[in-house]
Amino acid sequence: MPVSWRITEDFVRLESSGSVAFAEWKAALDAALASPDYRPGMGVLHDQRQLRDAPATEEGKSRAAYVVARGISRWAVLVATDVQYGMARLGDAHAAGTATEIQAFRDAAEAEAWARGGG
């Protein structure tokens, strides 16, 4: 499965691998947010270190817009490449002025702490 998800007591973790279409990513996010274990206000950590390619610019903007539309307050993006990092920063810029904050991370522990609501 290209996108999997699980909910811990503090945050949602999405993991993407290979090539992931927008519809697959959206379906996984929607399923996680519909889970009875999800609580509004939980942060999300999207681990995309295993993605074959970063999303194209327009798709990255669409993903950021969808995260904002779903009312997610903290979206941590765990990346492995400079291109993925740049796309996550573009998402952060797209979310500017909204209640959603998107941050790019290269370190898994930092991403998880931030998604949980830490600094």
C-alpha atoms as a PDB file:
ATOM      1  CA  MET A   1       0.000   0.000   0.000  1.00  0.00           C
ATOM      2  CA  PRO A   2       1.532   3.337  -1.001  1.00  0.00           C
ATOM      3  CA  VAL A   3       0.034   5.261   1.956  1.00  0.00           C
ATOM      4  CA  SER A   4      -0.592   3.774   5.369  1.00  0.00           C
ATOM      5  CA  TRP A   5      -1.706   5.436   8.578  1.00  0.00           C
ATOM      6  CA  ARG A   6      -1.971   4.810  12.284  1.00  0.00           C
ATOM      7  CA  ILE A   7      -3.006   6.863  15.255  1.00  0.00           C
ATOM      8  CA  THR A   8      -1.017   6.951  18.470  1.00  0.00           C
ATOM      9  CA  GLU A   9      -2.358   8.528  21.616  1.00  0.00           C
ATOM     10  CA  ASP A  10      -0.970  11.916  20.571  1.00  0.00           C
ATOM     11  CA  PHE A  11      -0.850  12.229  16.774  1.00  0.00           C
ATOM     12  CA  VAL A  12      -1.618  10.717  13.378  1.00  0.00           C
ATOM     13  CA  ARG A  13       1.204   9.133  11.404  1.00  0.00           C
ATOM     14  CA  LEU A  14       0.929   8.792   7.619  1.00  0.00           C
ATOM     15  CA  GLU A  15       3.643   6.917   5.747  1.00  0.00           C
ATOM     16  CA  SER A  16       4.023   7.123   1.981  1.00  0.00           C
ATOM     17  CA  SER A  17       6.215   4.944  -0.201  1.00  0.00           C
ATOM     18  CA  GLY A  18       6.857   4.448  -3.887  1.00  0.00           C
ATOM     19  CA  SER A  19       4.661   6.630  -6.070  1.00  0.00           C
ATOM     20  CA  VAL A  20       1.558   8.089  -4.458  1.00  0.00           C
ATOM     21  CA  ALA A  21      -1.279   9.730  -6.359  1.00  0.00           C
ATOM     22  CA  PHE A  22      -3.190  12.596  -4.766  1.00  0.00           C
ATOM     23  CA  ALA A  23      -6.328  10.429  -4.521  1.00  0.00           C
ATOM     24  CA  GLU A  24      -4.452   7.709  -2.585  1.00  0.00           C
ATOM     25  CA  TRP A  25      -2.942  10.230  -0.194  1.00  0.00           C
ATOM     26  CA  LYS A  26      -6.318  11.951   0.315  1.00  0.00           C
ATOM     27  CA  ALA A  27      -8.108   8.618   0.924  1.00  0.00           C
ATOM     28  CA  ALA A  28      -5.590   7.629   3.600  1.00  0.00           C
ATOM     29  CA  LEU A  29      -5.825  11.019   5.315  1.00  0.00           C
ATOM     30  CA  ASP A  30      -9.630  10.948   5.203  1.00  0.00           C
ATOM     31  CA  ALA A  31      -9.659   7.426   6.682  1.00  0.00           C
ATOM     32  CA  ALA A  32      -7.365   8.477   9.525  1.00  0.00           C
ATOM     33  CA  LEU A  33      -9.449  11.550  10.328  1.00  0.00           C
ATOM     34  CA  ALA A  34     -12.636   9.440  10.267  1.00  0.00           C
ATOM     35  CA  SER A  35     -11.194   6.912  12.723  1.00  0.00           C
ATOM     36  CA  PRO A  36     -12.829   6.785  16.154  1.00  0.00           C
ATOM     37  CA  ASP A  37      -9.287   7.090  17.588  1.00  0.00           C
ATOM     38  CA  TYR A  38      -8.786  10.492  15.969  1.00  0.00           C
ATOM     39  CA  ARG A  39      -9.383  13.534  18.148  1.00  0.00           C
ATOM     40  CA  PRO A  40      -9.725  17.013  16.623  1.00  0.00           C
ATOM     41  CA  GLY A  41      -6.598  19.027  17.230  1.00  0.00           C
ATOM     42  CA  MET A  42      -4.217  16.092  16.850  1.00  0.00           C
ATOM     43  CA  GLY A  43      -1.111  16.837  14.832  1.00  0.00           C
ATOM     44  CA  VAL A  44      -0.167  14.795  11.791  1.00  0.00           C
ATOM     45  CA  LEU A  45       3.263  13.502  10.878  1.00  0.00           C
ATOM     46  CA  HIS A  46       3.610  12.596   7.192  1.00  0.00           C
ATOM     47  CA  ASP A  47       6.688  10.421   6.684  1.00  0.00           C
ATOM     48  CA  GLN A  48       7.537  10.661   3.021  1.00  0.00           C
ATOM     49  CA  ARG A  49      11.143   9.489   3.198  1.00  0.00           C
ATOM     50  CA  GLN A  50      10.283   6.398   1.124  1.00  0.00           C
ATOM     51  CA  LEU A  51       8.587   8.292  -1.699  1.00  0.00           C
ATOM     52  CA  ARG A  52      10.167   7.744  -5.075  1.00  0.00           C
ATOM     53  CA  ASP A  53       9.538  11.363  -6.128  1.00  0.00           C
ATOM     54  CA  ALA A  54       8.320  14.511  -4.438  1.00  0.00           C
ATOM     55  CA  PRO A  55       4.897  15.701  -5.600  1.00  0.00           C
ATOM     56  CA  ALA A  56       4.853  18.212  -8.439  1.00  0.00           C
ATOM     57  CA  THR A  57       4.410  21.855  -7.416  1.00  0.00           C
ATOM     58  CA  GLU A  58       0.691  22.022  -8.233  1.00  0.00           C
ATOM     59  CA  GLU A  59       0.001  18.769  -6.409  1.00  0.00           C
ATOM     60  CA  GLY A  60       2.001  20.007  -3.423  1.00  0.00           C
ATOM     61  CA  LYS A  61      -0.174  23.120  -3.331  1.00  0.00           C
ATOM     62  CA  SER A  62      -3.306  20.970  -3.581  1.00  0.00           C
ATOM     63  CA  ARG A  63      -2.151  18.810  -0.691  1.00  0.00           C
ATOM     64  CA  ALA A  64      -1.413  21.860   1.456  1.00  0.00           C
ATOM     65  CA  ALA A  65      -4.810  23.332   0.591  1.00  0.00           C
ATOM     66  CA  TYR A  66      -6.499  20.068   1.560  1.00  0.00           C
ATOM     67  CA  VAL A  67      -4.657  19.954   4.898  1.00  0.00           C
ATOM     68  CA  VAL A  68      -5.835  23.505   5.576  1.00  0.00           C
ATOM     69  CA  ALA A  69      -9.404  22.676   4.462  1.00  0.00           C
ATOM     70  CA  ARG A  70      -9.499  19.702   6.844  1.00  0.00           C
ATOM     71  CA  GLY A  71      -8.583  22.004   9.740  1.00  0.00           C
ATOM     72  CA  ILE A  72      -5.375  20.251  10.737  1.00  0.00           C
ATOM     73  CA  SER A  73      -3.394  22.569  12.991  1.00  0.00           C
ATOM     74  CA  ARG A  74       0.044  20.879  12.865  1.00  0.00           C
ATOM     75  CA  TRP A  75       1.343  18.995   9.816  1.00  0.00           C
ATOM     76  CA  ALA A  76       4.908  17.711  10.163  1.00  0.00           C
ATOM     77  CA  VAL A  77       6.561  16.500   6.964  1.00  0.00           C
ATOM     78  CA  LEU A  78       9.463  14.097   7.455  1.00  0.00           C
ATOM     79  CA  VAL A  79      11.683  14.176   4.374  1.00  0.00           C
ATOM     80  CA  ALA A  80      14.794  12.527   2.979  1.00  0.00           C
ATOM     81  CA  THR A  81      15.701  14.814   0.078  1.00  0.00           C
ATOM     82  CA  ASP A  82      16.201  18.495  -0.578  1.00  0.00           C
ATOM     83  CA  VAL A  83      13.380  18.448  -3.142  1.00  0.00           C
ATOM     84  CA  GLN A  84      10.948  16.997  -0.576  1.00  0.00           C
ATOM     85  CA  TYR A  85      12.127  19.591   1.939  1.00  0.00           C
ATOM     86  CA  GLY A  86      11.504  22.388  -0.548  1.00  0.00           C
ATOM     87  CA  MET A  87       8.021  21.088  -1.347  1.00  0.00           C
ATOM     88  CA  ALA A  88       7.178  20.981   2.359  1.00  0.00           C
ATOM     89  CA  ARG A  89       8.378  24.575   2.736  1.00  0.00           C
ATOM     90  CA  LEU A  90       6.160  25.516  -0.213  1.00  0.00           C
ATOM     91  CA  GLY A  91       3.246  23.902   1.654  1.00  0.00           C
ATOM     92  CA  ASP A  92       4.103  25.972   4.713  1.00  0.00           C
ATOM     93  CA  ALA A  93       4.067  29.138   2.610  1.00  0.00           C
ATOM     94  CA  HIS A  94       0.730  28.138   1.098  1.00  0.00           C
ATOM     95  CA  ALA A  95      -0.751  27.664   4.588  1.00  0.00           C
ATOM     96  CA  ALA A  96       0.497  31.042   5.827  1.00  0.00           C
ATOM     97  CA  GLY A  97      -2.275  33.142   7.309  1.00  0.00           C
ATOM     98  CA  THR A  98      -4.387  30.103   8.195  1.00  0.00           C
ATOM     99  CA  ALA A  99      -4.774  28.101  11.400  1.00  0.00           C
ATOM    100  CA  THR A 100      -2.603  25.358   9.871  1.00  0.00           C
ATOM    101  CA  GLU A 101       1.135  25.196  10.385  1.00  0.00           C
ATOM    102  CA  ILE A 102       3.233  22.972   8.108  1.00  0.00           C
ATOM    103  CA  GLN A 103       6.842  22.224   9.044  1.00  0.00           C
ATOM    104  CA  ALA A 104       9.543  20.223   7.242  1.00  0.00           C
ATOM    105  CA  PHE A 105      11.864  17.952   9.231  1.00  0.00           C
ATOM    106  CA  ARG A 106      14.812  15.726   8.453  1.00  0.00           C
ATOM    107  CA  ASP A 107      14.971  14.227  11.949  1.00  0.00           C
ATOM    108  CA  ALA A 108      12.217  11.750  12.907  1.00  0.00           C
ATOM    109  CA  ALA A 109      12.331  12.492  16.649  1.00  0.00           C
ATOM    110  CA  GLU A 110      11.999  16.240  16.065  1.00  0.00           C
ATOM    111  CA  ALA A 111       9.110  15.730  13.640  1.00  0.00           C
ATOM    112  CA  GLU A 112       7.292  13.472  16.082  1.00  0.00           C
ATOM    113  CA  ALA A 113       7.796  15.842  19.025  1.00  0.00           C
ATOM    114  CA  TRP A 114       6.499  18.774  16.981  1.00  0.00           C
ATOM    115  CA  ALA A 115       3.479  16.805  15.710  1.00  0.00           C
ATOM    116  CA  ARG A 116       2.658  15.919  19.320  1.00  0.00           C
ATOM    117  CA  GLY A 117       2.535  19.624  20.110  1.00  0.00           C
ATOM    118  CA  GLY A 118       6.072  20.152  21.367  1.00  0.00           C
ATOM    119  CA  GLY A 119       8.498  22.832  20.246  1.00  0.00           C
END
